[in-house]
mmCIF file of all heavy atoms, coordinates in Angstrom:
data_MODEL
# 
_entry.id   MODEL 
# 
loop_
_atom_site.group_PDB 
_atom_site.id 
_atom_site.type_symbol 
_atom_site.label_atom_id 
_atom_site.label_alt_id 
_atom_site.label_comp_id 
_atom_site.label_asym_id 
_atom_site.label_entity_id 
_atom_site.label_seq_id 
_atom_site.pdbx_PDB_ins_code 
_atom_site.Cartn_x 
_atom_site.Cartn_y 
_atom_site.Cartn_z 
_atom_site.occupancy 
_atom_site.B_iso_or_equiv 
_atom_site.pdbx_formal_charge 
_atom_site.auth_seq_id 
_atom_site.auth_comp_id 
_atom_site.auth_asym_id 
_atom_site.auth_atom_id 
_atom_site.pdbx_PDB_model_num 
ATOM 1   N N   . TRP A 1 1  ? 91.611  73.312 115.406 1.00 0.00 ? 1  TRP A N   1 
ATOM 2   C CA  . TRP A 1 1  ? 92.071  71.995 114.956 1.00 0.00 ? 1  TRP A CA  1 
ATOM 3   C C   . TRP A 1 1  ? 93.324  71.505 115.687 1.00 0.00 ? 1  TRP A C   1 
ATOM 4   O O   . TRP A 1 1  ? 93.748  70.358 115.473 1.00 0.00 ? 1  TRP A O   1 
ATOM 5   C CB  . TRP A 1 1  ? 92.316  72.028 113.451 1.00 0.00 ? 1  TRP A CB  1 
ATOM 6   C CG  . TRP A 1 1  ? 91.046  72.111 112.662 1.00 0.00 ? 1  TRP A CG  1 
ATOM 7   C CD1 . TRP A 1 1  ? 90.420  73.250 112.246 1.00 0.00 ? 1  TRP A CD1 1 
ATOM 8   C CD2 . TRP A 1 1  ? 90.233  71.030 112.239 1.00 0.00 ? 1  TRP A CD2 1 
ATOM 9   N NE1 . TRP A 1 1  ? 89.264  72.945 111.576 1.00 0.00 ? 1  TRP A NE1 1 
ATOM 10  C CE2 . TRP A 1 1  ? 89.128  71.578 111.548 1.00 0.00 ? 1  TRP A CE2 1 
ATOM 11  C CE3 . TRP A 1 1  ? 90.326  69.645 112.358 1.00 0.00 ? 1  TRP A CE3 1 
ATOM 12  C CZ2 . TRP A 1 1  ? 88.119  70.786 110.992 1.00 0.00 ? 1  TRP A CZ2 1 
ATOM 13  C CZ3 . TRP A 1 1  ? 89.327  68.850 111.806 1.00 0.00 ? 1  TRP A CZ3 1 
ATOM 14  C CH2 . TRP A 1 1  ? 88.235  69.415 111.140 1.00 0.00 ? 1  TRP A CH2 1 
ATOM 15  N N   . GLY A 1 2  ? 93.904  72.339 116.498 1.00 0.00 ? 2  GLY A N   1 
ATOM 16  C CA  . GLY A 1 2  ? 95.015  71.900 117.329 1.00 0.00 ? 2  GLY A CA  1 
ATOM 17  C C   . GLY A 1 2  ? 96.318  71.680 116.585 1.00 0.00 ? 2  GLY A C   1 
ATOM 18  O O   . GLY A 1 2  ? 97.032  70.711 116.858 1.00 0.00 ? 2  GLY A O   1 
ATOM 19  N N   . PHE A 1 3  ? 96.658  72.555 115.665 1.00 0.00 ? 3  PHE A N   1 
ATOM 20  C CA  . PHE A 1 3  ? 97.960  72.463 114.997 1.00 0.00 ? 3  PHE A CA  1 
ATOM 21  C C   . PHE A 1 3  ? 98.729  73.760 115.211 1.00 0.00 ? 3  PHE A C   1 
ATOM 22  O O   . PHE A 1 3  ? 98.149  74.804 115.512 1.00 0.00 ? 3  PHE A O   1 
ATOM 23  C CB  . PHE A 1 3  ? 97.795  72.192 113.498 1.00 0.00 ? 3  PHE A CB  1 
ATOM 24  C CG  . PHE A 1 3  ? 97.168  73.311 112.710 1.00 0.00 ? 3  PHE A CG  1 
ATOM 25  C CD1 . PHE A 1 3  ? 97.934  74.327 112.148 1.00 0.00 ? 3  PHE A CD1 1 
ATOM 26  C CD2 . PHE A 1 3  ? 95.781  73.363 112.520 1.00 0.00 ? 3  PHE A CD2 1 
ATOM 27  C CE1 . PHE A 1 3  ? 97.361  75.366 111.424 1.00 0.00 ? 3  PHE A CE1 1 
ATOM 28  C CE2 . PHE A 1 3  ? 95.195  74.399 111.796 1.00 0.00 ? 3  PHE A CE2 1 
ATOM 29  C CZ  . PHE A 1 3  ? 95.984  75.403 111.253 1.00 0.00 ? 3  PHE A CZ  1 
ATOM 30  N N   . ASP A 1 4  ? 100.041 73.702 115.092 1.00 0.00 ? 4  ASP A N   1 
ATOM 31  C CA  . ASP A 1 4  ? 100.847 74.907 115.205 1.00 0.00 ? 4  ASP A CA  1 
ATOM 32  C C   . ASP A 1 4  ? 101.623 75.136 113.914 1.00 0.00 ? 4  ASP A C   1 
ATOM 33  O O   . ASP A 1 4  ? 101.494 74.380 112.953 1.00 0.00 ? 4  ASP A O   1 
ATOM 34  C CB  . ASP A 1 4  ? 101.781 74.836 116.415 1.00 0.00 ? 4  ASP A CB  1 
ATOM 35  C CG  . ASP A 1 4  ? 102.703 73.624 116.361 1.00 0.00 ? 4  ASP A CG  1 
ATOM 36  O OD1 . ASP A 1 4  ? 103.058 73.184 115.231 1.00 0.00 ? 4  ASP A OD1 1 
ATOM 37  O OD2 . ASP A 1 4  ? 103.093 73.121 117.427 1.00 0.00 ? 4  ASP A OD2 1 
ATOM 38  N N   . LYS A 1 5  ? 102.457 76.181 113.895 1.00 0.00 ? 5  LYS A N   1 
ATOM 39  C CA  . LYS A 1 5  ? 103.169 76.558 112.676 1.00 0.00 ? 5  LYS A CA  1 
ATOM 40  C C   . LYS A 1 5  ? 104.054 75.446 112.144 1.00 0.00 ? 5  LYS A C   1 
ATOM 41  O O   . LYS A 1 5  ? 104.283 75.338 110.936 1.00 0.00 ? 5  LYS A O   1 
ATOM 42  C CB  . LYS A 1 5  ? 104.005 77.813 112.935 1.00 0.00 ? 5  LYS A CB  1 
ATOM 43  C CG  . LYS A 1 5  ? 103.198 79.091 113.090 1.00 0.00 ? 5  LYS A CG  1 
ATOM 44  C CD  . LYS A 1 5  ? 104.118 80.298 113.259 1.00 0.00 ? 5  LYS A CD  1 
ATOM 45  C CE  . LYS A 1 5  ? 103.322 81.577 113.382 1.00 0.00 ? 5  LYS A CE  1 
ATOM 46  N NZ  . LYS A 1 5  ? 104.216 82.759 113.549 1.00 0.00 ? 5  LYS A NZ  1 
ATOM 47  N N   . THR A 1 6  ? 104.570 74.608 113.016 1.00 0.00 ? 6  THR A N   1 
ATOM 48  C CA  . THR A 1 6  ? 105.480 73.539 112.573 1.00 0.00 ? 6  THR A CA  1 
ATOM 49  C C   . THR A 1 6  ? 104.755 72.488 111.735 1.00 0.00 ? 6  THR A C   1 
ATOM 50  O O   . THR A 1 6  ? 105.390 71.732 111.008 1.00 0.00 ? 6  THR A O   1 
ATOM 51  C CB  . THR A 1 6  ? 106.138 72.864 113.779 1.00 0.00 ? 6  THR A CB  1 
ATOM 52  O OG1 . THR A 1 6  ? 105.127 72.243 114.603 1.00 0.00 ? 6  THR A OG1 1 
ATOM 53  C CG2 . THR A 1 6  ? 106.918 73.875 114.609 1.00 0.00 ? 6  THR A CG2 1 
ATOM 54  N N   . LYS A 1 7  ? 103.455 72.437 111.845 1.00 0.00 ? 7  LYS A N   1 
ATOM 55  C CA  . LYS A 1 7  ? 102.648 71.469 111.090 1.00 0.00 ? 7  LYS A CA  1 
ATOM 56  C C   . LYS A 1 7  ? 102.393 71.935 109.660 1.00 0.00 ? 7  LYS A C   1 
ATOM 57  O O   . LYS A 1 7  ? 102.105 71.130 108.765 1.00 0.00 ? 7  LYS A O   1 
ATOM 58  C CB  . LYS A 1 7  ? 101.312 71.257 111.813 1.00 0.00 ? 7  LYS A CB  1 
ATOM 59  C CG  . LYS A 1 7  ? 100.334 70.303 111.141 1.00 0.00 ? 7  LYS A CG  1 
ATOM 60  C CD  . LYS A 1 7  ? 100.736 68.848 111.292 1.00 0.00 ? 7  LYS A CD  1 
ATOM 61  C CE  . LYS A 1 7  ? 99.656  67.920 110.743 1.00 0.00 ? 7  LYS A CE  1 
ATOM 62  N NZ  . LYS A 1 7  ? 100.050 66.502 110.834 1.00 0.00 ? 7  LYS A NZ  1 
ATOM 63  N N   . ILE A 1 8  ? 102.514 73.251 109.425 1.00 0.00 ? 8  ILE A N   1 
ATOM 64  C CA  . ILE A 1 8  ? 102.128 73.813 108.130 1.00 0.00 ? 8  ILE A CA  1 
ATOM 65  C C   . ILE A 1 8  ? 103.189 73.536 107.076 1.00 0.00 ? 8  ILE A C   1 
ATOM 66  O O   . ILE A 1 8  ? 104.376 73.769 107.288 1.00 0.00 ? 8  ILE A O   1 
ATOM 67  C CB  . ILE A 1 8  ? 101.891 75.334 108.255 1.00 0.00 ? 8  ILE A CB  1 
ATOM 68  C CG1 . ILE A 1 8  ? 100.752 75.610 109.241 1.00 0.00 ? 8  ILE A CG1 1 
ATOM 69  C CG2 . ILE A 1 8  ? 101.567 75.940 106.888 1.00 0.00 ? 8  ILE A CG2 1 
ATOM 70  C CD1 . ILE A 1 8  ? 100.571 77.079 109.565 1.00 0.00 ? 8  ILE A CD1 1 
ATOM 71  N N   . GLU A 1 9  ? 102.746 73.039 105.927 1.00 0.00 ? 9  GLU A N   1 
ATOM 72  C CA  . GLU A 1 9  ? 103.613 72.811 104.775 1.00 0.00 ? 9  GLU A CA  1 
ATOM 73  C C   . GLU A 1 9  ? 103.451 74.001 103.828 1.00 0.00 ? 9  GLU A C   1 
ATOM 74  O O   . GLU A 1 9  ? 102.415 74.157 103.181 1.00 0.00 ? 9  GLU A O   1 
ATOM 75  C CB  . GLU A 1 9  ? 103.235 71.497 104.073 1.00 0.00 ? 9  GLU A CB  1 
ATOM 76  C CG  . GLU A 1 9  ? 103.343 70.288 104.986 1.00 0.00 ? 9  GLU A CG  1 
ATOM 77  C CD  . GLU A 1 9  ? 102.788 69.010 104.367 1.00 0.00 ? 9  GLU A CD  1 
ATOM 78  O OE1 . GLU A 1 9  ? 103.252 68.630 103.271 1.00 0.00 ? 9  GLU A OE1 1 
ATOM 79  O OE2 . GLU A 1 9  ? 101.895 68.387 104.991 1.00 0.00 ? 9  GLU A OE2 1 
ATOM 80  N N   . GLU A 1 10 ? 104.483 74.839 103.778 1.00 0.00 ? 10 GLU A N   1 
ATOM 81  C CA  . GLU A 1 10 ? 104.429 76.076 102.998 1.00 0.00 ? 10 GLU A CA  1 
ATOM 82  C C   . GLU A 1 10 ? 104.787 75.802 101.533 1.00 0.00 ? 10 GLU A C   1 
ATOM 83  O O   . GLU A 1 10 ? 105.809 75.168 101.243 1.00 0.00 ? 10 GLU A O   1 
ATOM 84  C CB  . GLU A 1 10 ? 105.404 77.098 103.571 1.00 0.00 ? 10 GLU A CB  1 
ATOM 85  C CG  . GLU A 1 10 ? 105.057 77.580 104.974 1.00 0.00 ? 10 GLU A CG  1 
ATOM 86  C CD  . GLU A 1 10 ? 104.060 78.718 104.976 1.00 0.00 ? 10 GLU A CD  1 
ATOM 87  O OE1 . GLU A 1 10 ? 103.647 79.165 103.886 1.00 0.00 ? 10 GLU A OE1 1 
ATOM 88  O OE2 . GLU A 1 10 ? 103.694 79.163 106.086 1.00 0.00 ? 10 GLU A OE2 1 
ATOM 89  N N   . LEU A 1 11 ? 103.962 76.301 100.616 1.00 0.00 ? 11 LEU A N   1 
ATOM 90  C CA  . LEU A 1 11 ? 104.265 76.183 99.190  1.00 0.00 ? 11 LEU A CA  1 
ATOM 91  C C   . LEU A 1 11 ? 105.246 77.278 98.781  1.00 0.00 ? 11 LEU A C   1 
ATOM 92  O O   . LEU A 1 11 ? 105.300 78.345 99.403  1.00 0.00 ? 11 LEU A O   1 
ATOM 93  C CB  . LEU A 1 11 ? 102.991 76.317 98.354  1.00 0.00 ? 11 LEU A CB  1 
ATOM 94  C CG  . LEU A 1 11 ? 102.137 75.054 98.160  1.00 0.00 ? 11 LEU A CG  1 
ATOM 95  C CD1 . LEU A 1 11 ? 101.612 74.509 99.475  1.00 0.00 ? 11 LEU A CD1 1 
ATOM 96  C CD2 . LEU A 1 11 ? 100.986 75.341 97.193  1.00 0.00 ? 11 LEU A CD2 1 
ATOM 97  N N   . GLY A 1 12 ? 106.025 77.000 97.727  1.00 0.00 ? 12 GLY A N   1 
ATOM 98  C CA  . GLY A 1 12 ? 106.900 78.017 97.180  1.00 0.00 ? 12 GLY A CA  1 
ATOM 99  C C   . GLY A 1 12 ? 106.108 79.170 96.585  1.00 0.00 ? 12 GLY A C   1 
ATOM 100 O O   . GLY A 1 12 ? 104.901 79.060 96.350  1.00 0.00 ? 12 GLY A O   1 
ATOM 101 N N   . LYS A 1 13 ? 106.803 80.281 96.308  1.00 0.00 ? 13 LYS A N   1 
ATOM 102 C CA  . LYS A 1 13 ? 106.138 81.500 95.855  1.00 0.00 ? 13 LYS A CA  1 
ATOM 103 C C   . LYS A 1 13 ? 105.230 81.271 94.655  1.00 0.00 ? 13 LYS A C   1 
ATOM 104 O O   . LYS A 1 13 ? 104.106 81.777 94.601  1.00 0.00 ? 13 LYS A O   1 
ATOM 105 C CB  . LYS A 1 13 ? 107.190 82.566 95.512  1.00 0.00 ? 13 LYS A CB  1 
ATOM 106 C CG  . LYS A 1 13 ? 106.593 83.859 94.987  1.00 0.00 ? 13 LYS A CG  1 
ATOM 107 C CD  . LYS A 1 13 ? 107.674 84.851 94.584  1.00 0.00 ? 13 LYS A CD  1 
ATOM 108 C CE  . LYS A 1 13 ? 107.056 86.096 93.977  1.00 0.00 ? 13 LYS A CE  1 
ATOM 109 N NZ  . LYS A 1 13 ? 108.096 87.053 93.505  1.00 0.00 ? 13 LYS A NZ  1 
ATOM 110 N N   . ASN A 1 14 ? 105.700 80.523 93.664  1.00 0.00 ? 14 ASN A N   1 
ATOM 111 C CA  . ASN A 1 14 ? 104.923 80.304 92.442  1.00 0.00 ? 14 ASN A CA  1 
ATOM 112 C C   . ASN A 1 14 ? 104.333 78.895 92.344  1.00 0.00 ? 14 ASN A C   1 
ATOM 113 O O   . ASN A 1 14 ? 103.742 78.545 91.324  1.00 0.00 ? 14 ASN A O   1 
ATOM 114 C CB  . ASN A 1 14 ? 105.772 80.600 91.212  1.00 0.00 ? 14 ASN A CB  1 
ATOM 115 C CG  . ASN A 1 14 ? 106.054 82.085 91.048  1.00 0.00 ? 14 ASN A CG  1 
ATOM 116 O OD1 . ASN A 1 14 ? 105.143 82.892 91.054  1.00 0.00 ? 14 ASN A OD1 1 
ATOM 117 N ND2 . ASN A 1 14 ? 107.333 82.452 90.951  1.00 0.00 ? 14 ASN A ND2 1 
ATOM 118 N N   . ASP A 1 15 ? 104.515 78.105 93.411  1.00 0.00 ? 15 ASP A N   1 
ATOM 119 C CA  . ASP A 1 15 ? 103.883 76.787 93.448  1.00 0.00 ? 15 ASP A CA  1 
ATOM 120 C C   . ASP A 1 15 ? 102.375 76.945 93.627  1.00 0.00 ? 15 ASP A C   1 
ATOM 121 O O   . ASP A 1 15 ? 101.898 77.948 94.169  1.00 0.00 ? 15 ASP A O   1 
ATOM 122 C CB  . ASP A 1 15 ? 104.420 75.952 94.610  1.00 0.00 ? 15 ASP A CB  1 
ATOM 123 C CG  . ASP A 1 15 ? 105.870 75.543 94.428  1.00 0.00 ? 15 ASP A CG  1 
ATOM 124 O OD1 . ASP A 1 15 ? 106.457 75.872 93.380  1.00 0.00 ? 15 ASP A OD1 1 
ATOM 125 O OD2 . ASP A 1 15 ? 106.413 74.898 95.340  1.00 0.00 ? 15 ASP A OD2 1 
ATOM 126 N N   . PHE A 1 16 ? 101.641 75.938 93.213  1.00 0.00 ? 16 PHE A N   1 
ATOM 127 C CA  . PHE A 1 16 ? 100.199 75.942 93.482  1.00 0.00 ? 16 PHE A CA  1 
ATOM 128 C C   . PHE A 1 16 ? 99.657  74.519 93.471  1.00 0.00 ? 16 PHE A C   1 
ATOM 129 O O   . PHE A 1 16 ? 100.224 73.628 92.853  1.00 0.00 ? 16 PHE A O   1 
ATOM 130 C CB  . PHE A 1 16 ? 99.439  76.805 92.472  1.00 0.00 ? 16 PHE A CB  1 
ATOM 131 C CG  . PHE A 1 16 ? 99.512  76.354 91.032  1.00 0.00 ? 16 PHE A CG  1 
ATOM 132 C CD1 . PHE A 1 16 ? 98.564  75.480 90.496  1.00 0.00 ? 16 PHE A CD1 1 
ATOM 133 C CD2 . PHE A 1 16 ? 100.525 76.815 90.206  1.00 0.00 ? 16 PHE A CD2 1 
ATOM 134 C CE1 . PHE A 1 16 ? 98.628  75.077 89.171  1.00 0.00 ? 16 PHE A CE1 1 
ATOM 135 C CE2 . PHE A 1 16 ? 100.596 76.419 88.876  1.00 0.00 ? 16 PHE A CE2 1 
ATOM 136 C CZ  . PHE A 1 16 ? 99.645  75.546 88.354  1.00 0.00 ? 16 PHE A CZ  1 
ATOM 137 N N   . PHE A 1 17 ? 98.588  74.343 94.195  1.00 0.00 ? 17 PHE A N   1 
ATOM 138 C CA  . PHE A 1 17 ? 97.827  73.098 94.151  1.00 0.00 ? 17 PHE A CA  1 
ATOM 139 C C   . PHE A 1 17 ? 96.696  73.238 93.144  1.00 0.00 ? 17 PHE A C   1 
ATOM 140 O O   . PHE A 1 17 ? 96.063  74.304 93.044  1.00 0.00 ? 17 PHE A O   1 
ATOM 141 C CB  . PHE A 1 17 ? 97.218  72.764 95.514  1.00 0.00 ? 17 PHE A CB  1 
ATOM 142 C CG  . PHE A 1 17 ? 98.082  71.899 96.387  1.00 0.00 ? 17 PHE A CG  1 
ATOM 143 C CD1 . PHE A 1 17 ? 98.616  72.401 97.569  1.00 0.00 ? 17 PHE A CD1 1 
ATOM 144 C CD2 . PHE A 1 17 ? 98.350  70.581 96.039  1.00 0.00 ? 17 PHE A CD2 1 
ATOM 145 C CE1 . PHE A 1 17 ? 99.406  71.608 98.385  1.00 0.00 ? 17 PHE A CE1 1 
ATOM 146 C CE2 . PHE A 1 17 ? 99.139  69.781 96.853  1.00 0.00 ? 17 PHE A CE2 1 
ATOM 147 C CZ  . PHE A 1 17 ? 99.668  70.292 98.032  1.00 0.00 ? 17 PHE A CZ  1 
ATOM 148 N N   . MET A 1 18 ? 96.433  72.185 92.410  1.00 0.00 ? 18 MET A N   1 
ATOM 149 C CA  . MET A 1 18 ? 95.249  72.077 91.577  1.00 0.00 ? 18 MET A CA  1 
ATOM 150 C C   . MET A 1 18 ? 94.633  70.708 91.817  1.00 0.00 ? 18 MET A C   1 
ATOM 151 O O   . MET A 1 18 ? 95.311  69.788 92.304  1.00 0.00 ? 18 MET A O   1 
ATOM 152 C CB  . MET A 1 18 ? 95.595  72.248 90.095  1.00 0.00 ? 18 MET A CB  1 
ATOM 153 C CG  . MET A 1 18 ? 96.525  71.191 89.531  1.00 0.00 ? 18 MET A CG  1 
ATOM 154 S SD  . MET A 1 18 ? 96.771  71.327 87.731  1.00 0.00 ? 18 MET A SD  1 
ATOM 155 C CE  . MET A 1 18 ? 95.232  70.561 87.139  1.00 0.00 ? 18 MET A CE  1 
ATOM 156 N N   . PRO A 1 19 ? 93.350  70.521 91.509  1.00 0.00 ? 19 PRO A N   1 
ATOM 157 C CA  . PRO A 1 19 ? 92.752  69.198 91.672  1.00 0.00 ? 19 PRO A CA  1 
ATOM 158 C C   . PRO A 1 19 ? 93.424  68.176 90.750  1.00 0.00 ? 19 PRO A C   1 
ATOM 159 O O   . PRO A 1 19 ? 93.967  68.524 89.694  1.00 0.00 ? 19 PRO A O   1 
ATOM 160 C CB  . PRO A 1 19 ? 91.286  69.411 91.276  1.00 0.00 ? 19 PRO A CB  1 
ATOM 161 C CG  . PRO A 1 19 ? 91.062  70.875 91.426  1.00 0.00 ? 19 PRO A CG  1 
ATOM 162 C CD  . PRO A 1 19 ? 92.370  71.523 91.074  1.00 0.00 ? 19 PRO A CD  1 
ATOM 163 N N   . GLY A 1 20 ? 93.386  66.914 91.136  1.00 0.00 ? 20 GLY A N   1 
ATOM 164 C CA  . GLY A 1 20 ? 93.877  65.863 90.261  1.00 0.00 ? 20 GLY A CA  1 
ATOM 165 C C   . GLY A 1 20 ? 93.107  65.845 88.953  1.00 0.00 ? 20 GLY A C   1 
ATOM 166 O O   . GLY A 1 20 ? 91.931  66.219 88.897  1.00 0.00 ? 20 GLY A O   1 
ATOM 167 N N   . MET A 1 21 ? 93.785  65.418 87.891  1.00 0.00 ? 21 MET A N   1 
ATOM 168 C CA  . MET A 1 21 ? 93.136  65.396 86.577  1.00 0.00 ? 21 MET A CA  1 
ATOM 169 C C   . MET A 1 21 ? 92.422  64.064 86.363  1.00 0.00 ? 21 MET A C   1 
ATOM 170 O O   . MET A 1 21 ? 92.844  63.021 86.856  1.00 0.00 ? 21 MET A O   1 
ATOM 171 C CB  . MET A 1 21 ? 94.164  65.668 85.482  1.00 0.00 ? 21 MET A CB  1 
ATOM 172 C CG  . MET A 1 21 ? 94.653  67.112 85.511  1.00 0.00 ? 21 MET A CG  1 
ATOM 173 S SD  . MET A 1 21 ? 95.763  67.577 84.158  1.00 0.00 ? 21 MET A SD  1 
ATOM 174 C CE  . MET A 1 21 ? 97.311  66.876 84.707  1.00 0.00 ? 21 MET A CE  1 
ATOM 175 N N   . ILE A 1 22 ? 91.348  64.118 85.594  1.00 0.00 ? 22 ILE A N   1 
ATOM 176 C CA  . ILE A 1 22 ? 90.442  62.988 85.407  1.00 0.00 ? 22 ILE A CA  1 
ATOM 177 C C   . ILE A 1 22 ? 90.490  62.534 83.957  1.00 0.00 ? 22 ILE A C   1 
ATOM 178 O O   . ILE A 1 22 ? 90.170  63.299 83.047  1.00 0.00 ? 22 ILE A O   1 
ATOM 179 C CB  . ILE A 1 22 ? 88.985  63.369 85.755  1.00 0.00 ? 22 ILE A CB  1 
ATOM 180 C CG1 . ILE A 1 22 ? 88.922  64.198 87.051  1.00 0.00 ? 22 ILE A CG1 1 
ATOM 181 C CG2 . ILE A 1 22 ? 88.110  62.124 85.830  1.00 0.00 ? 22 ILE A CG2 1 
ATOM 182 C CD1 . ILE A 1 22 ? 89.436  63.515 88.284  1.00 0.00 ? 22 ILE A CD1 1 
ATOM 183 N N   . ASP A 1 23 ? 90.897  61.290 83.729  1.00 0.00 ? 23 ASP A N   1 
ATOM 184 C CA  . ASP A 1 23 ? 90.877  60.714 82.380  1.00 0.00 ? 23 ASP A CA  1 
ATOM 185 C C   . ASP A 1 23 ? 89.618  59.866 82.265  1.00 0.00 ? 23 ASP A C   1 
ATOM 186 O O   . ASP A 1 23 ? 89.541  58.763 82.811  1.00 0.00 ? 23 ASP A O   1 
ATOM 187 C CB  . ASP A 1 23 ? 92.121  59.868 82.143  1.00 0.00 ? 23 ASP A CB  1 
ATOM 188 C CG  . ASP A 1 23 ? 92.321  59.512 80.668  1.00 0.00 ? 23 ASP A CG  1 
ATOM 189 O OD1 . ASP A 1 23 ? 91.320  59.545 79.921  1.00 0.00 ? 23 ASP A OD1 1 
ATOM 190 O OD2 . ASP A 1 23 ? 93.452  59.202 80.279  1.00 0.00 ? 23 ASP A OD2 1 
ATOM 191 N N   . THR A 1 24 ? 88.629  60.391 81.561  1.00 0.00 ? 24 THR A N   1 
ATOM 192 C CA  . THR A 1 24 ? 87.333  59.716 81.494  1.00 0.00 ? 24 THR A CA  1 
ATOM 193 C C   . THR A 1 24 ? 87.266  58.629 80.430  1.00 0.00 ? 24 THR A C   1 
ATOM 194 O O   . THR A 1 24 ? 86.246  57.958 80.303  1.00 0.00 ? 24 THR A O   1 
ATOM 195 C CB  . THR A 1 24 ? 86.198  60.737 81.248  1.00 0.00 ? 24 THR A CB  1 
ATOM 196 O OG1 . THR A 1 24 ? 86.467  61.448 80.033  1.00 0.00 ? 24 THR A OG1 1 
ATOM 197 C CG2 . THR A 1 24 ? 86.094  61.726 82.400  1.00 0.00 ? 24 THR A CG2 1 
ATOM 198 N N   . HIS A 1 25 ? 88.371  58.449 79.675  1.00 0.00 ? 25 HIS A N   1 
ATOM 199 C CA  . HIS A 1 25 ? 88.367  57.387 78.653  1.00 0.00 ? 25 HIS A CA  1 
ATOM 200 C C   . HIS A 1 25 ? 89.793  57.035 78.260  1.00 0.00 ? 25 HIS A C   1 
ATOM 201 O O   . HIS A 1 25 ? 90.466  57.797 77.574  1.00 0.00 ? 25 HIS A O   1 
ATOM 202 C CB  . HIS A 1 25 ? 87.581  57.829 77.420  1.00 0.00 ? 25 HIS A CB  1 
ATOM 203 C CG  . HIS A 1 25 ? 87.479  56.765 76.364  1.00 0.00 ? 25 HIS A CG  1 
ATOM 204 N ND1 . HIS A 1 25 ? 86.703  55.640 76.527  1.00 0.00 ? 25 HIS A ND1 1 
ATOM 205 C CD2 . HIS A 1 25 ? 88.066  56.630 75.152  1.00 0.00 ? 25 HIS A CD2 1 
ATOM 206 C CE1 . HIS A 1 25 ? 86.797  54.875 75.446  1.00 0.00 ? 25 HIS A CE1 1 
ATOM 207 N NE2 . HIS A 1 25 ? 87.637  55.458 74.602  1.00 0.00 ? 25 HIS A NE2 1 
ATOM 208 N N   . ILE A 1 26 ? 90.244  55.845 78.693  1.00 0.00 ? 26 ILE A N   1 
ATOM 209 C CA  . ILE A 1 26 ? 91.600  55.406 78.396  1.00 0.00 ? 26 ILE A CA  1 
ATOM 210 C C   . ILE A 1 26 ? 91.624  53.884 78.277  1.00 0.00 ? 26 ILE A C   1 
ATOM 211 O O   . ILE A 1 26 ? 91.050  53.184 79.111  1.00 0.00 ? 26 ILE A O   1 
ATOM 212 C CB  . ILE A 1 26 ? 92.597  55.909 79.467  1.00 0.00 ? 26 ILE A CB  1 
ATOM 213 C CG1 . ILE A 1 26 ? 94.000  55.340 79.221  1.00 0.00 ? 26 ILE A CG1 1 
ATOM 214 C CG2 . ILE A 1 26 ? 92.111  55.635 80.872  1.00 0.00 ? 26 ILE A CG2 1 
ATOM 215 C CD1 . ILE A 1 26 ? 95.077  55.982 80.103  1.00 0.00 ? 26 ILE A CD1 1 
# 
């Protein structure tokens, strides 16, 4: 993909990504 280490966004030790939440009725 043509990226190097400077492109990487490192998460903190206990950080995490989760999918966005879906409100099916509001």
